[in-house]
Amino acid sequence: MGIQTVHKQQYWLVAIVAAFVGATLTWEHLNGGVISHYLLHNPNYPSISNYWGMLVLPTLAWVAAHRVIKRMKLEDEENKNVAVAIPKHVKMGFAIMFCVTALQSIAWVLGHQDITMYLALGMLVAGLFVPIYRSECILAHVLASSVIFGAVIPLLGMLIMASISAVSNLVIKPVIVKLSTRLRTVKAIQ
């Protein structure tokens, strides 16, 4: 598949996500009204309508697809028609995050909030070692939890976890690697 095909996939992804959000909102509207969610699940805080998902999710899908395309290293103009594919690690990151978040949402619906909390904590700990700050992981998390929690609140939570993951993977991990390399060099000299 060429770069044009990858760009078409970007538009298809946005269209599919928009259709998913539209179907979810239609279902909610026909079954008692569109749901609003409270920050921190507390009615004293402002509520956020699921209608925001119609703006947040397609935008997030477009940004995620755009960033994945950028990461595919297609900067060379000569290689426009060379066969390219979405990397497996991108697909795996999306699929794993989607499955974990879907389990989290199912646990919440079934009344097992403790499992939901442990899965969120597990994602945060995994984010210290695995780059969950990537856009495909953020999209998967928000998409999988949007039916139960709306789009905005999971996005806010995921942005916090993604920031911690980014600091861990892009700042702390390179410093540790550099220090351990220097330490090995010093030991080798002695």
N, C-alpha and C. Protein backbone atom coordinates (compact mmCIF):
# COMPACT_ATOMS: atom_id res chain seq x y z
N MET A 1 0.84 -1.17 0.00
CA MET A 1 0.00 0.00 0.00
C MET A 1 0.89 1.23 0.00
N GLY A 2 0.53 2.22 -0.78
CA GLY A 2 1.30 3.43 -0.89
C GLY A 2 0.88 4.46 0.14
N ILE A 3 1.58 5.59 0.12
CA ILE A 3 1.28 6.65 1.08
C ILE A 3 -0.14 7.18 0.89
N GLN A 4 -0.62 7.19 -0.36
CA GLN A 4 -1.98 7.66 -0.60
C GLN A 4 -2.99 6.74 0.09
N THR A 5 -2.73 5.46 0.07
CA THR A 5 -3.62 4.50 0.72
C THR A 5 -3.62 4.71 2.22
N VAL A 6 -2.46 5.00 2.79
CA VAL A 6 -2.38 5.25 4.23
C VAL A 6 -3.18 6.50 4.58
N HIS A 7 -3.09 7.53 3.74
CA HIS A 7 -3.88 8.74 4.00
C HIS A 7 -5.37 8.46 3.88
N LYS A 8 -5.76 7.60 2.94
CA LYS A 8 -7.17 7.21 2.83
C LYS A 8 -7.62 6.49 4.10
N GLN A 9 -6.73 5.66 4.66
CA GLN A 9 -7.06 4.97 5.89
C GLN A 9 -7.27 5.96 7.03
N GLN A 10 -6.52 7.06 7.01
CA GLN A 10 -6.69 8.09 8.02
C GLN A 10 -8.11 8.66 7.95
N TYR A 11 -8.57 8.96 6.75
CA TYR A 11 -9.92 9.50 6.60
C TYR A 11 -10.99 8.47 6.95
N TRP A 12 -10.74 7.22 6.59
CA TRP A 12 -11.68 6.16 6.95
C TRP A 12 -11.75 5.99 8.46
N LEU A 13 -10.62 6.08 9.14
CA LEU A 13 -10.61 5.96 10.59
C LEU A 13 -11.45 7.06 11.22
N VAL A 14 -11.27 8.29 10.75
CA VAL A 14 -12.05 9.41 11.29
C VAL A 14 -13.53 9.19 11.01
N ALA A 15 -13.87 8.73 9.81
CA ALA A 15 -15.28 8.50 9.46
C ALA A 15 -15.88 7.38 10.32
N ILE A 16 -15.13 6.31 10.54
CA ILE A 16 -15.64 5.20 11.35
C ILE A 16 -15.83 5.63 12.80
N VAL A 17 -14.88 6.40 13.33
CA VAL A 17 -15.00 6.88 14.70
C VAL A 17 -16.19 7.83 14.82
N ALA A 18 -16.36 8.72 13.85
CA ALA A 18 -17.51 9.64 13.88
C ALA A 18 -18.82 8.86 13.80
N ALA A 19 -18.87 7.83 12.97
CA ALA A 19 -20.08 7.00 12.88
C ALA A 19 -20.34 6.27 14.19
N PHE A 20 -19.28 5.78 14.83
CA PHE A 20 -19.41 5.11 16.13
C PHE A 20 -19.98 6.07 17.17
N VAL A 21 -19.45 7.28 17.22
CA VAL A 21 -19.94 8.26 18.19
C VAL A 21 -21.39 8.64 17.86
N GLY A 22 -21.67 8.83 16.58
CA GLY A 22 -23.04 9.14 16.18
C GLY A 22 -24.02 8.04 16.56
N ALA A 23 -23.63 6.79 16.36
CA ALA A 23 -24.49 5.66 16.72
C ALA A 23 -24.68 5.59 18.23
N THR A 24 -23.62 5.84 18.99
CA THR A 24 -23.72 5.82 20.45
C THR A 24 -24.65 6.92 20.94
N LEU A 25 -24.49 8.12 20.40
CA LEU A 25 -25.35 9.23 20.82
C LEU A 25 -26.80 9.00 20.41
N THR A 26 -27.02 8.43 19.24
CA THR A 26 -28.39 8.12 18.80
C THR A 26 -29.02 7.09 19.72
N TRP A 27 -28.27 6.06 20.06
CA TRP A 27 -28.78 5.04 20.97
C TRP A 27 -29.13 5.65 22.33
N GLU A 28 -28.24 6.50 22.85
CA GLU A 28 -28.52 7.14 24.14
C GLU A 28 -29.76 8.02 24.04
N HIS A 29 -29.87 8.79 22.95
CA HIS A 29 -31.01 9.69 22.78
C HIS A 29 -32.33 8.91 22.74
N LEU A 30 -32.32 7.77 22.08
CA LEU A 30 -33.54 6.97 21.95
C LEU A 30 -33.84 6.15 23.20
N ASN A 31 -32.91 6.07 24.12
CA ASN A 31 -33.10 5.29 25.35
C ASN A 31 -33.02 6.15 26.60
N GLY A 32 -33.68 7.28 26.59
CA GLY A 32 -33.78 8.09 27.80
C GLY A 32 -32.99 9.38 27.78
N GLY A 33 -32.26 9.65 26.75
CA GLY A 33 -31.52 10.91 26.66
C GLY A 33 -30.02 10.70 26.73
N VAL A 34 -29.31 11.68 26.19
CA VAL A 34 -27.84 11.62 26.17
C VAL A 34 -27.32 11.83 27.58
N ILE A 35 -26.42 10.98 27.97
CA ILE A 35 -25.90 10.95 29.34
C ILE A 35 -24.87 12.06 29.54
N SER A 36 -24.86 12.60 30.76
CA SER A 36 -23.81 13.51 31.19
C SER A 36 -23.06 12.85 32.34
N HIS A 37 -21.77 13.09 32.41
CA HIS A 37 -20.92 12.48 33.44
C HIS A 37 -20.34 13.58 34.31
N TYR A 38 -20.19 13.29 35.59
CA TYR A 38 -19.62 14.25 36.53
C TYR A 38 -18.14 13.99 36.72
N LEU A 39 -17.39 15.07 36.86
CA LEU A 39 -15.97 14.93 37.18
C LEU A 39 -15.84 14.21 38.52
N LEU A 40 -14.93 13.28 38.59
CA LEU A 40 -14.66 12.48 39.78
C LEU A 40 -15.92 11.77 40.29
N HIS A 41 -16.90 11.56 39.42
CA HIS A 41 -18.14 10.85 39.74
C HIS A 41 -18.85 11.50 40.93
N ASN A 42 -18.75 12.84 41.02
CA ASN A 42 -19.32 13.59 42.12
C ASN A 42 -20.34 14.59 41.57
N PRO A 43 -21.62 14.50 41.95
CA PRO A 43 -22.64 15.40 41.40
C PRO A 43 -22.44 16.87 41.79
N ASN A 44 -21.57 17.15 42.74
CA ASN A 44 -21.29 18.54 43.11
C ASN A 44 -20.42 19.24 42.07
N TYR A 45 -19.74 18.46 41.24
CA TYR A 45 -18.89 19.02 40.19
C TYR A 45 -19.68 19.17 38.90
N PRO A 46 -19.17 19.96 37.97
CA PRO A 46 -19.90 20.15 36.70
C PRO A 46 -20.02 18.85 35.92
N SER A 47 -21.11 18.74 35.17
CA SER A 47 -21.31 17.55 34.33
C SER A 47 -20.81 17.84 32.92
N ILE A 48 -20.39 16.76 32.26
CA ILE A 48 -19.89 16.86 30.89
C ILE A 48 -20.75 15.93 30.03
N SER A 49 -21.39 16.50 29.02
CA SER A 49 -22.29 15.74 28.16
C SER A 49 -21.51 14.85 27.21
N ASN A 50 -22.12 13.73 26.84
CA ASN A 50 -21.51 12.85 25.85
C ASN A 50 -21.50 13.46 24.45
N TYR A 51 -22.23 14.56 24.27
CA TYR A 51 -22.19 15.24 22.97
C TYR A 51 -20.78 15.72 22.64
N TRP A 52 -19.97 15.98 23.65
CA TRP A 52 -18.59 16.40 23.41
C TRP A 52 -17.80 15.33 22.67
N GLY A 53 -18.23 14.09 22.77
CA GLY A 53 -17.56 13.00 22.07
C GLY A 53 -17.57 13.18 20.57
N MET A 54 -18.60 13.86 20.04
CA MET A 54 -18.67 14.09 18.60
C MET A 54 -17.56 15.01 18.13
N LEU A 55 -17.03 15.84 19.00
CA LEU A 55 -15.90 16.70 18.67
C LEU A 55 -14.58 16.03 19.05
N VAL A 56 -14.53 15.45 20.24
CA VAL A 56 -13.27 14.93 20.78
C VAL A 56 -12.78 13.70 20.03
N LEU A 57 -13.63 12.70 19.84
CA LEU A 57 -13.16 11.44 19.27
C LEU A 57 -12.72 11.53 17.81
N PRO A 58 -13.49 12.15 16.90
CA PRO A 58 -12.97 12.27 15.53
C PRO A 58 -11.69 13.09 15.44
N THR A 59 -11.59 14.14 16.26
CA THR A 59 -10.36 14.93 16.28
C THR A 59 -9.20 14.09 16.78
N LEU A 60 -9.43 13.34 17.83
CA LEU A 60 -8.39 12.46 18.37
C LEU A 60 -7.99 11.39 17.36
N ALA A 61 -8.96 10.85 16.63
CA ALA A 61 -8.66 9.85 15.60
C ALA A 61 -7.81 10.45 14.50
N TRP A 62 -8.13 11.66 14.08
CA TRP A 62 -7.34 12.30 13.02
C TRP A 62 -5.91 12.56 13.51
N VAL A 63 -5.78 13.09 14.72
CA VAL A 63 -4.44 13.38 15.27
C VAL A 63 -3.65 12.09 15.42
N ALA A 64 -4.27 11.03 15.92
CA ALA A 64 -3.57 9.76 16.10
C ALA A 64 -3.09 9.21 14.76
N ALA A 65 -3.97 9.21 13.76
CA ALA A 65 -3.58 8.71 12.44
C ALA A 65 -2.48 9.56 11.83
N HIS A 66 -2.58 10.87 12.00
CA HIS A 66 -1.55 11.77 11.46
C HIS A 66 -0.20 11.51 12.11
N ARG A 67 -0.20 11.33 13.42
CA ARG A 67 1.06 11.09 14.12
C ARG A 67 1.65 9.73 13.77
N VAL A 68 0.81 8.73 13.57
CA VAL A 68 1.31 7.41 13.16
C VAL A 68 1.95 7.51 11.78
N ILE A 69 1.30 8.23 10.88
CA ILE A 69 1.86 8.41 9.54
C ILE A 69 3.20 9.12 9.62
N LYS A 70 3.31 10.13 10.48
CA LYS A 70 4.59 10.83 10.64
C LYS A 70 5.66 9.88 11.16
N ARG A 71 5.28 9.00 12.08
CA ARG A 71 6.25 8.07 12.65
C ARG A 71 6.66 6.98 11.68
N MET A 72 5.94 6.81 10.62
CA MET A 72 6.27 5.76 9.66
C MET A 72 7.46 6.15 8.78
N LYS A 73 8.00 7.32 9.00
CA LYS A 73 9.22 7.79 8.32
C LYS A 73 9.08 7.79 6.80
N LEU A 74 8.08 8.52 6.36
CA LEU A 74 7.84 8.61 4.92
C LEU A 74 8.26 9.98 4.39
N GLU A 75 9.36 10.50 4.92
CA GLU A 75 9.75 11.85 4.55
C GLU A 75 10.38 11.94 3.16
N ASP A 76 10.85 10.85 2.63
CA ASP A 76 11.52 10.89 1.34
C ASP A 76 10.50 10.97 0.21
N GLU A 77 10.54 12.02 -0.57
CA GLU A 77 9.58 12.23 -1.65
C GLU A 77 9.67 11.15 -2.73
N GLU A 78 10.85 10.56 -2.91
CA GLU A 78 11.01 9.51 -3.92
C GLU A 78 10.22 8.26 -3.57
N ASN A 79 10.02 8.03 -2.31
CA ASN A 79 9.39 6.78 -1.86
C ASN A 79 7.88 6.90 -1.71
N LYS A 80 7.25 7.83 -2.40
CA LYS A 80 5.81 8.02 -2.27
C LYS A 80 5.01 6.77 -2.63
N ASN A 81 5.48 6.02 -3.60
CA ASN A 81 4.71 4.86 -4.06
C ASN A 81 5.28 3.53 -3.57
N VAL A 82 6.23 3.58 -2.66
CA VAL A 82 6.79 2.35 -2.11
C VAL A 82 5.75 1.74 -1.17
N ALA A 83 5.70 0.44 -1.15
CA ALA A 83 4.75 -0.25 -0.29
C ALA A 83 5.08 0.01 1.17
N VAL A 84 4.11 0.51 1.90
CA VAL A 84 4.28 0.76 3.32
C VAL A 84 3.08 0.15 4.04
N ALA A 85 3.27 -0.18 5.28
CA ALA A 85 2.18 -0.72 6.10
C ALA A 85 2.27 -0.11 7.48
N ILE A 86 1.14 -0.07 8.14
CA ILE A 86 1.14 0.42 9.51
C ILE A 86 1.91 -0.58 10.35
N PRO A 87 2.90 -0.11 11.12
CA PRO A 87 3.75 -1.03 11.90
C PRO A 87 2.94 -1.89 12.88
N LYS A 88 3.44 -3.10 13.11
CA LYS A 88 2.74 -4.03 14.00
C LYS A 88 2.67 -3.50 15.42
N HIS A 89 3.73 -2.80 15.86
CA HIS A 89 3.71 -2.31 17.23
C HIS A 89 2.63 -1.25 17.44
N VAL A 90 2.28 -0.52 16.39
CA VAL A 90 1.18 0.45 16.48
C VAL A 90 -0.14 -0.29 16.64
N LYS A 91 -0.34 -1.32 15.83
CA LYS A 91 -1.57 -2.11 15.92
C LYS A 91 -1.67 -2.81 17.28
N MET A 92 -0.55 -3.34 17.75
CA MET A 92 -0.54 -4.03 19.05
C MET A 92 -0.83 -3.07 20.19
N GLY A 93 -0.19 -1.89 20.15
CA GLY A 93 -0.44 -0.89 21.19
C GLY A 93 -1.90 -0.49 21.25
N PHE A 94 -2.49 -0.28 20.08
CA PHE A 94 -3.91 0.08 20.02
C PHE A 94 -4.77 -1.06 20.56
N ALA A 95 -4.51 -2.28 20.10
CA ALA A 95 -5.34 -3.43 20.48
C ALA A 95 -5.24 -3.72 21.98
N ILE A 96 -4.04 -3.70 22.53
CA ILE A 96 -3.87 -4.01 23.95
C ILE A 96 -4.53 -2.95 24.81
N MET A 97 -4.30 -1.67 24.48
CA MET A 97 -4.92 -0.60 25.26
C MET A 97 -6.44 -0.66 25.15
N PHE A 98 -6.95 -0.95 23.95
CA PHE A 98 -8.40 -1.05 23.76
C PHE A 98 -8.97 -2.17 24.62
N CYS A 99 -8.32 -3.33 24.62
CA CYS A 99 -8.82 -4.48 25.39
C CYS A 99 -8.79 -4.22 26.89
N VAL A 100 -7.70 -3.66 27.38
CA VAL A 100 -7.59 -3.38 28.82
C VAL A 100 -8.65 -2.36 29.23
N THR A 101 -8.84 -1.33 28.42
CA THR A 101 -9.83 -0.31 28.74
C THR A 101 -11.25 -0.86 28.63
N ALA A 102 -11.49 -1.73 27.66
CA ALA A 102 -12.81 -2.36 27.55
C ALA A 102 -13.09 -3.20 28.79
N LEU A 103 -12.09 -3.94 29.27
CA LEU A 103 -12.25 -4.70 30.51
C LEU A 103 -12.54 -3.78 31.69
N GLN A 104 -11.86 -2.65 31.71
CA GLN A 104 -12.08 -1.66 32.75
C GLN A 104 -13.53 -1.16 32.72
N SER A 105 -14.03 -0.86 31.55
CA SER A 105 -15.40 -0.37 31.41
C SER A 105 -16.42 -1.44 31.79
N ILE A 106 -16.18 -2.67 31.38
CA ILE A 106 -17.08 -3.77 31.73
C ILE A 106 -17.10 -3.99 33.24
N ALA A 107 -15.93 -3.93 33.87
CA ALA A 107 -15.86 -4.10 35.32
C ALA A 107 -16.65 -2.99 36.02
N TRP A 108 -16.59 -1.78 35.51
CA TRP A 108 -17.33 -0.67 36.11
C TRP A 108 -18.84 -0.91 36.01
N VAL A 109 -19.29 -1.33 34.83
CA VAL A 109 -20.72 -1.57 34.62
C VAL A 109 -21.22 -2.70 35.52
N LEU A 110 -20.40 -3.71 35.73
CA LEU A 110 -20.79 -4.85 36.56
C LEU A 110 -20.66 -4.56 38.06
N GLY A 111 -20.23 -3.34 38.40
CA GLY A 111 -20.15 -2.95 39.80
C GLY A 111 -18.85 -3.29 40.50
N HIS A 112 -17.84 -3.63 39.75
CA HIS A 112 -16.53 -3.97 40.33
C HIS A 112 -15.57 -2.79 40.17
N GLN A 113 -15.84 -1.73 40.91
CA GLN A 113 -15.01 -0.53 40.80
C GLN A 113 -13.58 -0.78 41.25
N ASP A 114 -13.39 -1.75 42.16
CA ASP A 114 -12.03 -2.06 42.59
C ASP A 114 -11.20 -2.62 41.43
N ILE A 115 -11.80 -3.46 40.60
CA ILE A 115 -11.09 -3.98 39.43
C ILE A 115 -10.76 -2.86 38.46
N THR A 116 -11.70 -1.93 38.30
CA THR A 116 -11.46 -0.78 37.43
C THR A 116 -10.27 0.02 37.93
N MET A 117 -10.20 0.23 39.25
CA MET A 117 -9.10 0.99 39.83
C MET A 117 -7.77 0.25 39.66
N TYR A 118 -7.78 -1.07 39.87
CA TYR A 118 -6.54 -1.83 39.73
C TYR A 118 -6.05 -1.86 38.29
N LEU A 119 -6.98 -1.95 37.34
CA LEU A 119 -6.58 -1.91 35.93
C LEU A 119 -5.99 -0.55 35.57
N ALA A 120 -6.57 0.52 36.11
CA ALA A 120 -6.03 1.87 35.86
C ALA A 120 -4.65 2.00 36.48
N LEU A 121 -4.49 1.49 37.68
CA LEU A 121 -3.18 1.52 38.33
C LEU A 121 -2.17 0.68 37.56
N GLY A 122 -2.61 -0.47 37.06
CA GLY A 122 -1.73 -1.31 36.24
C GLY A 122 -1.30 -0.61 34.97
N MET A 123 -2.23 0.13 34.33
CA MET A 123 -1.86 0.89 33.14
C MET A 123 -0.84 1.97 33.47
N LEU A 124 -1.02 2.61 34.62
CA LEU A 124 -0.08 3.65 35.03
C LEU A 124 1.31 3.06 35.27
N VAL A 125 1.38 1.93 35.95
CA VAL A 125 2.68 1.28 36.20
C VAL A 125 3.29 0.80 34.88
N ALA A 126 2.47 0.21 34.01
CA ALA A 126 2.98 -0.23 32.70
C ALA A 126 3.49 0.96 31.91
N GLY A 127 2.84 2.11 32.06
CA GLY A 127 3.27 3.31 31.35
C GLY A 127 4.64 3.80 31.75
N LEU A 128 5.13 3.38 32.92
CA LEU A 128 6.48 3.74 33.32
C LEU A 128 7.52 3.04 32.45
N PHE A 129 7.17 1.91 31.88
CA PHE A 129 8.10 1.11 31.09
C PHE A 129 7.74 1.02 29.61
N VAL A 130 6.46 1.16 29.30
CA VAL A 130 5.95 1.04 27.93
C VAL A 130 5.40 2.40 27.51
N PRO A 131 5.64 2.82 26.28
CA PRO A 131 5.19 4.15 25.86
C PRO A 131 3.69 4.24 25.60
N ILE A 132 2.89 4.39 26.66
CA ILE A 132 1.45 4.56 26.47
C ILE A 132 1.10 6.00 26.14
N TYR A 133 2.11 6.85 26.03
CA TYR A 133 1.86 8.24 25.66
C TYR A 133 1.63 8.39 24.16
N ARG A 134 1.81 7.35 23.40
CA ARG A 134 1.64 7.43 21.95
C ARG A 134 0.17 7.61 21.61
N SER A 135 -0.06 8.28 20.51
CA SER A 135 -1.42 8.69 20.15
C SER A 135 -2.36 7.52 19.92
N GLU A 136 -1.86 6.40 19.42
CA GLU A 136 -2.75 5.26 19.20
C GLU A 136 -3.25 4.68 20.52
N CYS A 137 -2.42 4.74 21.57
CA CYS A 137 -2.84 4.26 22.88
C CYS A 137 -3.87 5.20 23.50
N ILE A 138 -3.65 6.49 23.33
CA ILE A 138 -4.61 7.47 23.85
C ILE A 138 -5.96 7.30 23.15
N LEU A 139 -5.94 7.17 21.82
CA LEU A 139 -7.18 6.97 21.08
C LEU A 139 -7.89 5.69 21.51
N ALA A 140 -7.15 4.60 21.66
CA ALA A 140 -7.75 3.33 22.06
C ALA A 140 -8.41 3.44 23.43
N HIS A 141 -7.74 4.10 24.36
CA HIS A 141 -8.30 4.25 25.71
C HIS A 141 -9.59 5.06 25.69
N VAL A 142 -9.56 6.19 25.02
CA VAL A 142 -10.73 7.06 25.00
C VAL A 142 -11.88 6.40 24.22
N LEU A 143 -11.55 5.75 23.13
CA LEU A 143 -12.58 5.10 22.31
C LEU A 143 -13.26 3.96 23.07
N ALA A 144 -12.47 3.14 23.75
CA ALA A 144 -13.03 1.98 24.47
C ALA A 144 -13.84 2.39 25.69
N SER A 145 -13.51 3.51 26.28
CA SER A 145 -14.24 3.92 27.49
C SER A 145 -15.32 4.95 27.21
N SER A 146 -15.43 5.41 25.98
CA SER A 146 -16.38 6.50 25.69
C SER A 146 -17.83 6.08 25.85
N VAL A 147 -18.15 4.82 25.63
CA VAL A 147 -19.54 4.37 25.75
C VAL A 147 -19.99 4.44 27.21
N ILE A 148 -19.11 4.12 28.13
CA ILE A 148 -19.47 4.07 29.55
C ILE A 148 -19.20 5.40 30.25
N PHE A 149 -18.07 6.03 29.97
CA PHE A 149 -17.65 7.22 30.71
C PHE A 149 -17.70 8.51 29.90
N GLY A 150 -18.12 8.46 28.64
CA GLY A 150 -18.04 9.63 27.79
C GLY A 150 -16.63 9.74 27.23
N ALA A 151 -16.36 10.78 26.46
CA ALA A 151 -15.04 10.92 25.84
C ALA A 151 -14.12 11.85 26.61
N VAL A 152 -14.66 12.84 27.27
CA VAL A 152 -13.82 13.88 27.86
C VAL A 152 -13.12 13.40 29.13
N ILE A 153 -13.84 12.77 30.03
CA ILE A 153 -13.24 12.35 31.29
C ILE A 153 -12.14 11.30 31.07
N PRO A 154 -12.35 10.27 30.23
CA PRO A 154 -11.23 9.36 29.94
C PRO A 154 -10.05 10.05 29.27
N LEU A 155 -10.33 11.05 28.43
CA LEU A 155 -9.24 11.79 27.79
C LEU A 155 -8.42 12.52 28.83
N LEU A 156 -9.08 13.16 29.78
CA LEU A 156 -8.35 13.87 30.84
C LEU A 156 -7.50 12.90 31.66
N GLY A 157 -8.08 11.77 32.04
CA GLY A 157 -7.32 10.77 32.80
C GLY A 157 -6.16 10.21 32.01
N MET A 158 -6.40 9.93 30.74
CA MET A 158 -5.34 9.35 29.90
C MET A 158 -4.23 10.36 29.65
N LEU A 159 -4.57 11.64 29.53
CA LEU A 159 -3.53 12.64 29.34
C LEU A 159 -2.60 12.72 30.55
N ILE A 160 -3.15 12.52 31.74
CA ILE A 160 -2.31 12.50 32.94
C ILE A 160 -1.40 11.27 32.91
N MET A 161 -1.97 10.09 32.60
CA MET A 161 -1.15 8.88 32.54
C MET A 161 -0.13 8.96 31.41
N ALA A 162 -0.52 9.54 30.28
CA ALA A 162 0.40 9.67 29.15
C ALA A 162 1.54 10.62 29.48
N SER A 163 1.25 11.68 30.23
CA SER A 163 2.32 12.61 30.64
C SER A 163 3.33 11.91 31.54
N ILE A 164 2.85 11.12 32.48
CA ILE A 164 3.75 10.38 33.36
C ILE A 164 4.57 9.38 32.54
N SER A 165 3.93 8.70 31.60
CA SER A 165 4.64 7.75 30.74
C SER A 165 5.69 8.45 29.88
N ALA A 166 5.35 9.61 29.35
CA ALA A 166 6.30 10.35 28.51
C ALA A 166 7.52 10.78 29.32
N VAL A 167 7.29 11.30 30.52
CA VAL A 167 8.43 11.71 31.36
C VAL A 167 9.29 10.50 31.69
N SER A 168 8.66 9.39 32.03
CA SER A 168 9.41 8.19 32.37
C SER A 168 10.22 7.66 31.19
N ASN A 169 9.58 7.57 30.01
CA ASN A 169 10.23 6.96 28.86
C ASN A 169 11.15 7.89 28.09
N LEU A 170 10.87 9.18 28.11
CA LEU A 170 11.66 10.12 27.31
C LEU A 170 12.68 10.91 28.12
N VAL A 171 12.53 10.95 29.44
CA VAL A 171 13.47 11.71 30.27
C VAL A 171 14.22 10.80 31.23
N ILE A 172 13.50 10.10 32.07
CA ILE A 172 14.14 9.31 33.13
C ILE A 172 14.89 8.11 32.56
N LYS A 173 14.25 7.35 31.66
CA LYS A 173 14.89 6.16 31.10
C LYS A 173 16.19 6.50 30.37
N PRO A 174 16.26 7.54 29.51
CA PRO A 174 17.53 7.87 28.86
C PRO A 174 18.62 8.28 29.85
N VAL A 175 18.23 8.98 30.91
CA VAL A 175 19.22 9.37 31.93
C VAL A 175 19.78 8.13 32.61
N ILE A 176 18.92 7.18 32.95
CA ILE A 176 19.38 5.94 33.59
C ILE A 176 20.30 5.16 32.65
N VAL A 177 19.91 5.07 31.38
CA VAL A 177 20.74 4.35 30.40
C VAL A 177 22.10 5.03 30.25
N LYS A 178 22.11 6.36 30.19
CA LYS A 178 23.37 7.09 30.04
C LYS A 178 24.26 6.91 31.27
N LEU A 179 23.65 6.98 32.45
CA LEU A 179 24.43 6.79 33.68
C LEU A 179 24.98 5.37 33.78
N SER A 180 24.18 4.38 33.41
CA SER A 180 24.67 3.01 33.49
C SER A 180 25.78 2.76 32.46
N THR A 181 25.69 3.40 31.30
CA THR A 181 26.75 3.28 30.30
C THR A 181 28.05 3.89 30.81
N ARG A 182 27.94 5.06 31.42
CA ARG A 182 29.14 5.70 31.98
C ARG A 182 29.73 4.87 33.11
N LEU A 183 28.86 4.30 33.93
CA LEU A 183 29.33 3.48 35.04
C LEU A 183 30.07 2.25 34.52
N ARG A 184 29.56 1.63 33.47
CA ARG A 184 30.25 0.48 32.87
C ARG A 184 31.58 0.90 32.27
N THR A 185 31.62 2.07 31.66
CA THR A 185 32.87 2.57 31.08
C THR A 185 33.91 2.80 32.16
N VAL A 186 33.48 3.38 33.28
CA VAL A 186 34.41 3.64 34.39
C VAL A 186 34.91 2.32 34.96
N LYS A 187 34.03 1.33 35.12
CA LYS A 187 34.45 0.03 35.64
C LYS A 187 35.39 -0.67 34.67
N ALA A 188 35.16 -0.52 33.37
CA ALA A 188 36.02 -1.15 32.37
C ALA A 188 37.41 -0.53 32.38
N ILE A 189 37.50 0.76 32.64
CA ILE A 189 38.79 1.44 32.67
C ILE A 189 39.59 1.00 33.89
N GLN A 190 38.92 0.77 35.00
CA GLN A 190 39.63 0.40 36.23
C GLN A 190 40.04 -1.02 36.11
